[in-house]
Amino acid sequence: MIQEKHATLVDEKKRAIIKQLRLIDDAFFAVCFDNDPALTEWMLKIILDRDDLTVTDVKTQYSIKGLGGHSAVLDALARDRDGKVYNIEVQKPNEGAIPRRARFYGSLIDSEFFKKGQAHEELCEIYVIFITENDILKGNLPIYHIDRVIRENGSLFDDGAHMIYVNASYTDITPLGELMHDFMCSNPKEMFYANLTKKTQYYKEDKGEHTMCQLLEDYIQERTETYKVEIAEAEAKTAEAEAKTAEVEAKAEAEKNQIALRLVASGFTMEKSAEITGLPVETVRKLAQA
């Protein structure tokens, strides 16, 4: 009886969490868009203001192992029939969408899809798209398109890499503004778009609720393990840095000892040798007597 009551309480807590989830939350975004090319295509057409793309496949929580040891799990990775690659990231904290992270994700995608033997001209066109809860670029714009340009004449440097920041806090009455409203909305019934209402209702209120409960549990467990690995890596790097610092300090100390001995041998007093090297007089005396 106690176990049943505990299980009921756990399920109620999960349901309460699920009820508050929004598409701007990466866990819920991942569930709703995973393996759904049609929904992803529809979203990208609004963000890119295009109607000429066809998404062939999409995978959320897409893991890429970096060559230098830095890996990443992308919120969503989609491809279209022309071979273009789209990385969609939803970010609540500002620090999760800094420009250099977008650059890093772009480089990871290049390494993932640029195969041995391919010519550089065959590098796929990529879009790294951050949907952010706040206006982190602070331009009070609904969307920011970032492409490389030649400073001297302002011409586009067309390397096939595009970064886009979508400001989810900008919810005007436009297709993009209404999409962002729905991304920030926890109640499916208050959404503008019927396809998002249907998908989110399925996982919040209908048959998918049980699936969402299990996925939420798996997601929390996966993130916990990821954080453990990241903490272990950080601790290892800290230990390595501390060891190198200790090594440098020991070498510097040995060099000061040698300088002090040479000063004493050259006729300097122990007090003067200590003053020059910064060593205690007693240390210089012990060195000289050794």
C-alpha atoms as a PDB file:
ATOM      1  CA  MET A   1       0.000   0.000   0.000  1.00  0.00           C
ATOM      2  CA  ILE A   2       2.817   2.412   0.906  1.00  0.00           C
ATOM      3  CA  GLN A   3       4.641   1.586  -2.339  1.00  0.00           C
ATOM      4  CA  GLU A   4       1.465   2.175  -4.371  1.00  0.00           C
ATOM      5  CA  LYS A   5       0.902   5.541  -2.673  1.00  0.00           C
ATOM      6  CA  HIS A   6       4.542   6.517  -3.325  1.00  0.00           C
ATOM      7  CA  ALA A   7       4.220   5.531  -7.006  1.00  0.00           C
ATOM      8  CA  THR A   8       1.041   7.604  -7.286  1.00  0.00           C
ATOM      9  CA  LEU A   9       2.768  10.636  -5.793  1.00  0.00           C
ATOM     10  CA  VAL A  10       5.711  10.223  -8.164  1.00  0.00           C
ATOM     11  CA  ASP A  11       3.351  10.027 -11.166  1.00  0.00           C
ATOM     12  CA  GLU A  12       1.475  13.104  -9.960  1.00  0.00           C
ATOM     13  CA  LYS A  13       4.734  15.037  -9.680  1.00  0.00           C
ATOM     14  CA  LYS A  14       5.728  13.953 -13.184  1.00  0.00           C
ATOM     15  CA  ARG A  15       2.348  15.021 -14.550  1.00  0.00           C
ATOM     16  CA  ALA A  16       2.710  18.392 -12.827  1.00  0.00           C
ATOM     17  CA  ILE A  17       6.123  18.863 -14.438  1.00  0.00           C
ATOM     18  CA  ILE A  18       4.840  17.761 -17.859  1.00  0.00           C
ATOM     19  CA  LYS A  19       1.905  20.155 -17.590  1.00  0.00           C
ATOM     20  CA  GLN A  20       4.319  23.079 -17.244  1.00  0.00           C
ATOM     21  CA  LEU A  21       6.678  21.995 -20.010  1.00  0.00           C
ATOM     22  CA  ARG A  22       6.945  24.183 -23.118  1.00  0.00           C
ATOM     23  CA  LEU A  23       8.568  23.645 -26.493  1.00  0.00           C
ATOM     24  CA  ILE A  24      11.345  26.011 -25.404  1.00  0.00           C
ATOM     25  CA  ASP A  25      12.270  23.262 -22.881  1.00  0.00           C
ATOM     26  CA  ASP A  26      14.698  20.972 -24.656  1.00  0.00           C
ATOM     27  CA  ALA A  27      13.273  17.759 -23.187  1.00  0.00           C
ATOM     28  CA  PHE A  28       9.770  18.487 -24.472  1.00  0.00           C
ATOM     29  CA  PHE A  29      11.043  19.869 -27.782  1.00  0.00           C
ATOM     30  CA  ALA A  30      13.028  16.668 -28.302  1.00  0.00           C
ATOM     31  CA  VAL A  31       9.991  14.475 -27.723  1.00  0.00           C
ATOM     32  CA  CYS A  32       7.654  16.462 -29.964  1.00  0.00           C
ATOM     33  CA  PHE A  33       9.990  16.851 -32.951  1.00  0.00           C
ATOM     34  CA  ASP A  34      11.892  13.566 -32.911  1.00  0.00           C
ATOM     35  CA  ASN A  35      11.509  11.626 -36.175  1.00  0.00           C
ATOM     36  CA  ASP A  36       8.865  14.069 -37.415  1.00  0.00           C
ATOM     37  CA  PRO A  37      10.196  15.529 -40.692  1.00  0.00           C
ATOM     38  CA  ALA A  38       6.837  17.096 -41.581  1.00  0.00           C
ATOM     39  CA  LEU A  39       6.593  19.116 -38.352  1.00  0.00           C
ATOM     40  CA  THR A  40      10.264  20.095 -38.561  1.00  0.00           C
ATOM     41  CA  GLU A  41       9.887  21.145 -42.203  1.00  0.00           C
ATOM     42  CA  TRP A  42       6.873  23.281 -41.324  1.00  0.00           C
ATOM     43  CA  MET A  43       8.798  24.977 -38.481  1.00  0.00           C
ATOM     44  CA  LEU A  44      11.867  25.633 -40.657  1.00  0.00           C
ATOM     45  CA  LYS A  45       9.756  27.142 -43.429  1.00  0.00           C
ATOM     46  CA  ILE A  46       8.428  29.709 -40.943  1.00  0.00           C
ATOM     47  CA  ILE A  47      11.832  30.478 -39.410  1.00  0.00           C
ATOM     48  CA  LEU A  48      13.626  30.707 -42.760  1.00  0.00           C
ATOM     49  CA  ASP A  49      10.657  32.316 -44.531  1.00  0.00           C
ATOM     50  CA  ARG A  50      10.940  29.746 -47.299  1.00  0.00           C
ATOM     51  CA  ASP A  51       8.601  27.297 -48.948  1.00  0.00           C
ATOM     52  CA  ASP A  52      11.141  25.498 -51.130  1.00  0.00           C
ATOM     53  CA  LEU A  53      12.614  22.967 -48.710  1.00  0.00           C
ATOM     54  CA  THR A  54      11.702  19.369 -48.028  1.00  0.00           C
ATOM     55  CA  VAL A  55      13.007  17.814 -44.807  1.00  0.00           C
ATOM     56  CA  THR A  56      13.834  14.146 -45.285  1.00  0.00           C
ATOM     57  CA  ASP A  57      14.834  13.192 -41.755  1.00  0.00           C
ATOM     58  CA  VAL A  58      15.253  14.659 -38.289  1.00  0.00           C
ATOM     59  CA  LYS A  59      16.722  13.274 -35.100  1.00  0.00           C
ATOM     60  CA  THR A  60      16.637  14.951 -31.710  1.00  0.00           C
ATOM     61  CA  GLN A  61      19.317  14.544 -29.050  1.00  0.00           C
ATOM     62  CA  TYR A  62      21.822  13.877 -31.847  1.00  0.00           C
ATOM     63  CA  SER A  63      25.243  13.088 -30.389  1.00  0.00           C
ATOM     64  CA  ILE A  64      28.447  14.105 -32.180  1.00  0.00           C
ATOM     65  CA  LYS A  65      31.900  13.122 -30.933  1.00  0.00           C
ATOM     66  CA  GLY A  66      34.382  15.928 -31.473  1.00  0.00           C
ATOM     67  CA  LEU A  67      37.844  15.100 -32.798  1.00  0.00           C
ATOM     68  CA  GLY A  68      39.538  17.090 -30.046  1.00  0.00           C
ATOM     69  CA  GLY A  69      37.650  15.399 -27.231  1.00  0.00           C
ATOM     70  CA  HIS A  70      34.841  17.964 -27.030  1.00  0.00           C
ATOM     71  CA  SER A  71      31.513  16.363 -27.860  1.00  0.00           C
ATOM     72  CA  ALA A  72      27.971  17.694 -27.981  1.00  0.00           C
ATOM     73  CA  VAL A  73      24.380  16.513 -27.999  1.00  0.00           C
ATOM     74  CA  LEU A  74      22.411  18.608 -30.477  1.00  0.00           C
ATOM     75  CA  ASP A  75      18.757  19.291 -29.670  1.00  0.00           C
ATOM     76  CA  ALA A  76      17.749  18.461 -33.243  1.00  0.00           C
ATOM     77  CA  LEU A  77      19.554  17.716 -36.477  1.00  0.00           C
ATOM     78  CA  ALA A  78      17.591  17.705 -39.734  1.00  0.00           C
ATOM     79  CA  ARG A  79      18.493  17.262 -43.388  1.00  0.00           C
ATOM     80  CA  ASP A  80      16.643  18.242 -46.527  1.00  0.00           C
ATOM     81  CA  ARG A  81      16.523  16.629 -49.949  1.00  0.00           C
ATOM     82  CA  ASP A  82      19.238  18.997 -51.226  1.00  0.00           C
ATOM     83  CA  GLY A  83      21.705  17.821 -48.575  1.00  0.00           C
ATOM     84  CA  LYS A  84      21.489  20.940 -46.410  1.00  0.00           C
ATOM     85  CA  VAL A  85      21.826  20.329 -42.673  1.00  0.00           C
ATOM     86  CA  TYR A  86      19.856  22.160 -39.987  1.00  0.00           C
ATOM     87  CA  ASN A  87      20.774  22.164 -36.309  1.00  0.00           C
ATOM     88  CA  ILE A  88      17.951  23.538 -34.146  1.00  0.00           C
ATOM     89  CA  GLU A  89      18.754  24.409 -30.538  1.00  0.00           C
ATOM     90  CA  VAL A  90      16.244  25.618 -27.949  1.00  0.00           C
ATOM     91  CA  GLN A  91      17.872  27.586 -25.159  1.00  0.00           C
ATOM     92  CA  LYS A  92      16.444  29.030 -21.955  1.00  0.00           C
ATOM     93  CA  PRO A  93      19.633  30.217 -20.210  1.00  0.00           C
ATOM     94  CA  ASN A  94      21.528  32.899 -22.122  1.00  0.00           C
ATOM     95  CA  GLU A  95      24.901  31.250 -21.561  1.00  0.00           C
ATOM     96  CA  GLY A  96      23.712  28.223 -23.538  1.00  0.00           C
ATOM     97  CA  ALA A  97      23.524  30.230 -26.766  1.00  0.00           C
ATOM     98  CA  ILE A  98      26.702  32.298 -26.801  1.00  0.00           C
ATOM     99  CA  PRO A  99      28.042  32.978 -30.321  1.00  0.00           C
ATOM    100  CA  ARG A 100      31.083  30.746 -29.895  1.00  0.00           C
ATOM    101  CA  ARG A 101      28.858  27.807 -29.032  1.00  0.00           C
ATOM    102  CA  ALA A 102      27.072  28.303 -32.339  1.00  0.00           C
ATOM    103  CA  ARG A 103      30.469  28.355 -34.043  1.00  0.00           C
ATOM    104  CA  PHE A 104      31.465  25.143 -32.248  1.00  0.00           C
ATOM    105  CA  TYR A 105      28.279  23.344 -33.274  1.00  0.00           C
ATOM    106  CA  GLY A 106      28.853  24.381 -36.872  1.00  0.00           C
ATOM    107  CA  SER A 107      32.365  22.918 -36.793  1.00  0.00           C
ATOM    108  CA  LEU A 108      31.050  19.673 -35.302  1.00  0.00           C
ATOM    109  CA  ILE A 109      28.487  19.343 -38.088  1.00  0.00           C
ATOM    110  CA  ASP A 110      31.207  19.929 -40.688  1.00  0.00           C
ATOM    111  CA  SER A 111      33.350  17.174 -39.172  1.00  0.00           C
ATOM    112  CA  GLU A 112      30.362  14.826 -38.986  1.00  0.00           C
ATOM    113  CA  PHE A 113      29.272  15.149 -42.617  1.00  0.00           C
ATOM    114  CA  PHE A 114      32.513  15.969 -44.464  1.00  0.00           C
ATOM    115  CA  LYS A 115      33.809  12.529 -45.353  1.00  0.00           C
ATOM    116  CA  LYS A 116      37.282  11.429 -46.347  1.00  0.00           C
ATOM    117  CA  GLY A 117      37.870  11.859 -50.039  1.00  0.00           C
ATOM    118  CA  GLN A 118      35.309  14.619 -50.516  1.00  0.00           C
ATOM    119  CA  ALA A 119      36.345  17.894 -52.112  1.00  0.00           C
ATOM    120  CA  HIS A 120      35.921  21.074 -50.096  1.00  0.00           C
ATOM    121  CA  GLU A 121      33.306  22.219 -52.593  1.00  0.00           C
ATOM    122  CA  GLU A 122      31.185  19.295 -51.386  1.00  0.00           C
ATOM    123  CA  LEU A 123      30.917  20.609 -47.831  1.00  0.00           C
ATOM    124  CA  CYS A 124      27.205  20.730 -47.105  1.00  0.00           C
ATOM    125  CA  GLU A 125      25.404  24.007 -46.462  1.00  0.00           C
ATOM    126  CA  ILE A 126      24.585  24.245 -42.767  1.00  0.00           C
ATOM    127  CA  TYR A 127      22.210  26.250 -40.607  1.00  0.00           C
ATOM    128  CA  VAL A 128      22.769  26.545 -36.863  1.00  0.00           C
ATOM    129  CA  ILE A 129      19.520  27.903 -35.441  1.00  0.00           C
ATOM    130  CA  PHE A 130      19.154  28.969 -31.812  1.00  0.00           C
ATOM    131  CA  ILE A 131      15.642  29.580 -30.501  1.00  0.00           C
ATOM    132  CA  THR A 132      16.267  31.545 -27.312  1.00  0.00           C
ATOM    133  CA  GLU A 133      13.864  32.400 -24.500  1.00  0.00           C
ATOM    134  CA  ASN A 134      15.447  35.838 -24.139  1.00  0.00           C
ATOM    135  CA  ASP A 135      16.717  38.393 -26.630  1.00  0.00           C
ATOM    136  CA  ILE A 136      20.358  37.553 -25.945  1.00  0.00           C
ATOM    137  CA  LEU A 137      21.671  39.617 -28.870  1.00  0.00           C
ATOM    138  CA  LYS A 138      19.772  42.611 -27.432  1.00  0.00           C
ATOM    139  CA  GLY A 139      18.670  44.140 -30.718  1.00  0.00           C
ATOM    140  CA  ASN A 140      14.934  43.959 -29.998  1.00  0.00           C
ATOM    141  CA  LEU A 141      14.480  41.982 -33.198  1.00  0.00           C
ATOM    142  CA  PRO A 142      12.401  38.847 -33.744  1.00  0.00           C
ATOM    143  CA  ILE A 143      15.186  37.103 -35.662  1.00  0.00           C
ATOM    144  CA  TYR A 144      18.882  37.612 -36.413  1.00  0.00           C
ATOM    145  CA  HIS A 145      20.638  36.209 -39.506  1.00  0.00           C
ATOM    146  CA  ILE A 146      24.405  35.946 -39.130  1.00  0.00           C
ATOM    147  CA  ASP A 147      26.560  35.326 -42.207  1.00  0.00           C
ATOM    148  CA  ARG A 148      30.208  36.086 -42.866  1.00  0.00           C
ATOM    149  CA  VAL A 149      30.893  39.224 -44.878  1.00  0.00           C
ATOM    150  CA  ILE A 150      33.959  40.905 -46.376  1.00  0.00           C
ATOM    151  CA  ARG A 151      34.593  43.977 -44.208  1.00  0.00           C
ATOM    152  CA  GLU A 152      36.043  46.135 -46.932  1.00  0.00           C
ATOM    153  CA  ASN A 153      33.027  46.057 -49.233  1.00  0.00           C
ATOM    154  CA  GLY A 154      30.236  44.363 -47.252  1.00  0.00           C
ATOM    155  CA  SER A 155      29.931  41.531 -49.770  1.00  0.00           C
ATOM    156  CA  LEU A 156      28.789  38.116 -48.598  1.00  0.00           C
ATOM    157  CA  PHE A 157      31.581  35.593 -48.006  1.00  0.00           C
ATOM    158  CA  ASP A 158      29.614  32.567 -49.101  1.00  0.00           C
ATOM    159  CA  ASP A 159      31.120  29.645 -47.196  1.00  0.00           C
ATOM    160  CA  GLY A 160      27.775  27.880 -46.828  1.00  0.00           C
ATOM    161  CA  ALA A 161      27.537  28.371 -43.054  1.00  0.00           C
ATOM    162  CA  HIS A 162      24.616  30.294 -41.562  1.00  0.00           C
ATOM    163  CA  MET A 163      23.748  31.139 -37.963  1.00  0.00           C
ATOM    164  CA  ILE A 164      20.273  32.257 -36.991  1.00  0.00           C
ATOM    165  CA  TYR A 165      19.023  33.445 -33.611  1.00  0.00           C
ATOM    166  CA  VAL A 166      15.254  33.463 -33.081  1.00  0.00           C
ATOM    167  CA  ASN A 167      14.063  35.639 -30.214  1.00  0.00           C
ATOM    168  CA  ALA A 168      11.205  33.722 -28.560  1.00  0.00           C
ATOM    169  CA  SER A 169      10.331  36.701 -26.363  1.00  0.00           C
ATOM    170  CA  TYR A 170       9.227  38.599 -29.484  1.00  0.00           C
ATOM    171  CA  THR A 171       5.668  37.318 -30.019  1.00  0.00           C
ATOM    172  CA  ASP A 172       4.006  39.646 -32.505  1.00  0.00           C
ATOM    173  CA  ILE A 173       1.147  38.705 -34.829  1.00  0.00           C
ATOM    174  CA  THR A 174       3.243  37.257 -37.634  1.00  0.00           C
ATOM    175  CA  PRO A 175       3.802  33.594 -38.526  1.00  0.00           C
ATOM    176  CA  LEU A 176       7.148  33.667 -36.695  1.00  0.00           C
ATOM    177  CA  GLY A 177       5.747  35.606 -33.722  1.00  0.00           C
ATOM    178  CA  GLU A 178       2.856  33.158 -33.354  1.00  0.00           C
ATOM    179  CA  LEU A 179       5.275  30.235 -33.613  1.00  0.00           C
ATOM    180  CA  MET A 180       7.339  31.712 -30.791  1.00  0.00           C
ATOM    181  CA  HIS A 181       4.174  32.287 -28.764  1.00  0.00           C
ATOM    182  CA  ASP A 182       3.430  28.587 -29.080  1.00  0.00           C
ATOM    183  CA  PHE A 183       7.010  27.682 -28.112  1.00  0.00           C
ATOM    184  CA  MET A 184       6.587  29.702 -24.908  1.00  0.00           C
ATOM    185  CA  CYS A 185       3.113  28.332 -24.172  1.00  0.00           C
ATOM    186  CA  SER A 186       2.537  25.493 -21.676  1.00  0.00           C
ATOM    187  CA  ASN A 187      -1.196  25.124 -22.396  1.00  0.00           C
ATOM    188  CA  PRO A 188      -1.866  23.475 -25.789  1.00  0.00           C
ATOM    189  CA  LYS A 189      -5.333  25.025 -25.930  1.00  0.00           C
ATOM    190  CA  GLU A 190      -3.799  28.508 -25.985  1.00  0.00           C
ATOM    191  CA  MET A 191      -1.581  27.790 -29.003  1.00  0.00           C
ATOM    192  CA  PHE A 192      -2.146  29.373 -32.407  1.00  0.00           C
ATOM    193  CA  TYR A 193      -1.085  26.455 -34.571  1.00  0.00           C
ATOM    194  CA  ALA A 194      -3.283  23.362 -34.702  1.00  0.00           C
ATOM    195  CA  ASN A 195      -0.424  20.962 -35.497  1.00  0.00           C
ATOM    196  CA  LEU A 196       1.500  22.044 -32.380  1.00  0.00           C
ATOM    197  CA  THR A 197      -1.671  21.898 -30.305  1.00  0.00           C
ATOM    198  CA  LYS A 198      -2.307  18.336 -31.455  1.00  0.00           C
ATOM    199  CA  LYS A 199       1.283  17.186 -30.866  1.00  0.00           C
ATOM    200  CA  THR A 200       1.652  18.765 -27.425  1.00  0.00           C
ATOM    201  CA  GLN A 201      -1.784  17.590 -26.300  1.00  0.00           C
ATOM    202  CA  TYR A 202      -0.835  14.039 -27.201  1.00  0.00           C
ATOM    203  CA  TYR A 203       2.128  14.073 -24.807  1.00  0.00           C
ATOM    204  CA  LYS A 204       0.503  16.191 -22.124  1.00  0.00           C
ATOM    205  CA  GLU A 205      -3.071  14.904 -21.993  1.00  0.00           C
ATOM    206  CA  ASP A 206      -3.640  11.909 -24.263  1.00  0.00           C
ATOM    207  CA  LYS A 207      -2.107   8.481 -24.836  1.00  0.00           C
ATOM    208  CA  GLY A 208       1.383   9.900 -25.013  1.00  0.00           C
ATOM    209  CA  GLU A 209       1.327  11.067 -21.394  1.00  0.00           C
ATOM    210  CA  HIS A 210       2.637   7.720 -20.128  1.00  0.00           C
ATOM    211  CA  THR A 211       5.345   7.797 -22.789  1.00  0.00           C
ATOM    212  CA  MET A 212       6.249  11.333 -21.756  1.00  0.00           C
ATOM    213  CA  CYS A 213       6.518  10.302 -18.094  1.00  0.00           C
ATOM    214  CA  GLN A 214       8.969   7.552 -19.015  1.00  0.00           C
ATOM    215  CA  LEU A 215      10.877   9.773 -21.421  1.00  0.00           C
ATOM    216  CA  LEU A 216      11.117  12.478 -18.778  1.00  0.00           C
ATOM    217  CA  GLU A 217      12.553   9.973 -16.330  1.00  0.00           C
ATOM    218  CA  ASP A 218      15.024   8.698 -18.942  1.00  0.00           C
ATOM    219  CA  TYR A 219      15.955  12.255 -19.875  1.00  0.00           C
ATOM    220  CA  ILE A 220      16.670  13.208 -16.268  1.00  0.00           C
ATOM    221  CA  GLN A 221      18.755  10.061 -15.818  1.00  0.00           C
ATOM    222  CA  GLU A 222      20.655  10.697 -19.058  1.00  0.00           C
ATOM    223  CA  ARG A 223      21.353  14.310 -18.154  1.00  0.00           C
ATOM    224  CA  THR A 224      22.470  13.262 -14.678  1.00  0.00           C
ATOM    225  CA  GLU A 225      24.970  10.829 -16.199  1.00  0.00           C
ATOM    226  CA  THR A 226      26.104  13.498 -18.671  1.00  0.00           C
ATOM    227  CA  TYR A 227      26.683  15.973 -15.865  1.00  0.00           C
ATOM    228  CA  LYS A 228      28.643  13.332 -13.924  1.00  0.00           C
ATOM    229  CA  VAL A 229      30.906  12.822 -16.935  1.00  0.00           C
ATOM    230  CA  GLU A 230      31.326  16.570 -17.425  1.00  0.00           C
ATOM    231  CA  ILE A 231      32.153  17.032 -13.741  1.00  0.00           C
ATOM    232  CA  ALA A 232      34.682  14.180 -13.884  1.00  0.00           C
ATOM    233  CA  GLU A 233      36.287  15.716 -16.991  1.00  0.00           C
ATOM    234  CA  ALA A 234      36.421  19.126 -15.319  1.00  0.00           C
ATOM    235  CA  GLU A 235      37.976  17.644 -12.185  1.00  0.00           C
ATOM    236  CA  ALA A 236      40.556  15.773 -14.275  1.00  0.00           C
ATOM    237  CA  LYS A 237      41.475  18.980 -16.132  1.00  0.00           C
ATOM    238  CA  THR A 238      41.713  20.848 -12.834  1.00  0.00           C
ATOM    239  CA  ALA A 239      43.969  18.147 -11.376  1.00  0.00           C
ATOM    240  CA  GLU A 240      46.133  18.245 -14.511  1.00  0.00           C
ATOM    241  CA  ALA A 241      46.379  22.032 -14.330  1.00  0.00           C
ATOM    242  CA  GLU A 242      47.240  21.894 -10.632  1.00  0.00           C
ATOM    243  CA  ALA A 243      49.948  19.291 -11.327  1.00  0.00           C
ATOM    244  CA  LYS A 244      51.442  21.484 -14.055  1.00  0.00           C
ATOM    245  CA  THR A 245      51.307  24.510 -11.760  1.00  0.00           C
ATOM    246  CA  ALA A 246      53.068  22.559  -9.009  1.00  0.00           C
ATOM    247  CA  GLU A 247      55.686  21.427 -11.521  1.00  0.00           C
ATOM    248  CA  VAL A 248      56.299  24.999 -12.694  1.00  0.00           C
ATOM    249  CA  GLU A 249      56.487  26.259  -9.107  1.00  0.00           C
ATOM    250  CA  ALA A 250      58.949  23.504  -8.148  1.00  0.00           C
ATOM    251  CA  LYS A 251      61.120  24.345 -11.163  1.00  0.00           C
ATOM    252  CA  ALA A 252      61.047  28.051 -10.300  1.00  0.00           C
ATOM    253  CA  GLU A 253      61.969  27.268  -6.697  1.00  0.00           C
ATOM    254  CA  ALA A 254      64.892  25.110  -7.829  1.00  0.00           C
ATOM    255  CA  GLU A 255      66.112  27.885 -10.130  1.00  0.00           C
ATOM    256  CA  LYS A 256      65.959  30.417  -7.272  1.00  0.00           C
ATOM    257  CA  ASN A 257      67.930  28.012  -5.100  1.00  0.00           C
ATOM    258  CA  GLN A 258      70.622  27.727  -7.780  1.00  0.00           C
ATOM    259  CA  ILE A 259      70.772  31.504  -8.203  1.00  0.00           C
ATOM    260  CA  ALA A 260      71.116  31.964  -4.441  1.00  0.00           C
ATOM    261  CA  LEU A 261      73.991  29.480  -4.334  1.00  0.00           C
ATOM    262  CA  ARG A 262      75.754  31.224  -7.221  1.00  0.00           C
ATOM    263  CA  LEU A 263      75.334  34.595  -5.489  1.00  0.00           C
ATOM    264  CA  VAL A 264      76.823  33.272  -2.243  1.00  0.00           C
ATOM    265  CA  ALA A 265      79.682  31.668  -4.178  1.00  0.00           C
ATOM    266  CA  SER A 266      80.311  35.029  -5.886  1.00  0.00           C
ATOM    267  CA  GLY A 267      80.796  36.727  -2.542  1.00  0.00           C
ATOM    268  CA  PHE A 268      77.322  38.054  -1.765  1.00  0.00           C
ATOM    269  CA  THR A 269      76.199  37.784   1.830  1.00  0.00           C
ATOM    270  CA  MET A 270      73.461  35.331   2.638  1.00  0.00           C
ATOM    271  CA  GLU A 271      71.188  38.236   3.570  1.00  0.00           C
ATOM    272  CA  LYS A 272      71.762  39.970   0.213  1.00  0.00           C
ATOM    273  CA  SER A 273      71.331  36.688  -1.683  1.00  0.00           C
ATOM    274  CA  ALA A 274      68.021  36.124   0.120  1.00  0.00           C
ATOM    275  CA  GLU A 275      66.874  39.651  -0.697  1.00  0.00           C
ATOM    276  CA  ILE A 276      67.683  39.253  -4.405  1.00  0.00           C
ATOM    277  CA  THR A 277      66.030  35.832  -4.808  1.00  0.00           C
ATOM    278  CA  GLY A 278      63.138  36.378  -2.410  1.00  0.00           C
ATOM    279  CA  LEU A 279      64.129  33.311  -0.394  1.00  0.00           C
ATOM    280  CA  PRO A 280      64.213  33.264   3.414  1.00  0.00           C
ATOM    281  CA  VAL A 281      67.694  33.804   4.823  1.00  0.00           C
ATOM    282  CA  GLU A 282      67.466  30.478   6.657  1.00  0.00           C
ATOM    283  CA  THR A 283      66.778  28.701   3.356  1.00  0.00           C
ATOM    284  CA  VAL A 284      69.874  30.303   1.763  1.00  0.00           C
ATOM    285  CA  ARG A 285      71.950  29.306   4.799  1.00  0.00           C
ATOM    286  CA  LYS A 286      70.786  25.666   4.571  1.00  0.00           C
ATOM    287  CA  LEU A 287      71.508  25.607   0.846  1.00  0.00           C
ATOM    288  CA  ALA A 288      75.021  26.950   1.402  1.00  0.00           C
ATOM    289  CA  GLN A 289      75.724  24.419   4.141  1.00  0.00           C
ATOM    290  CA  ALA A 290      74.416  21.415   2.213  1.00  0.00           C
END
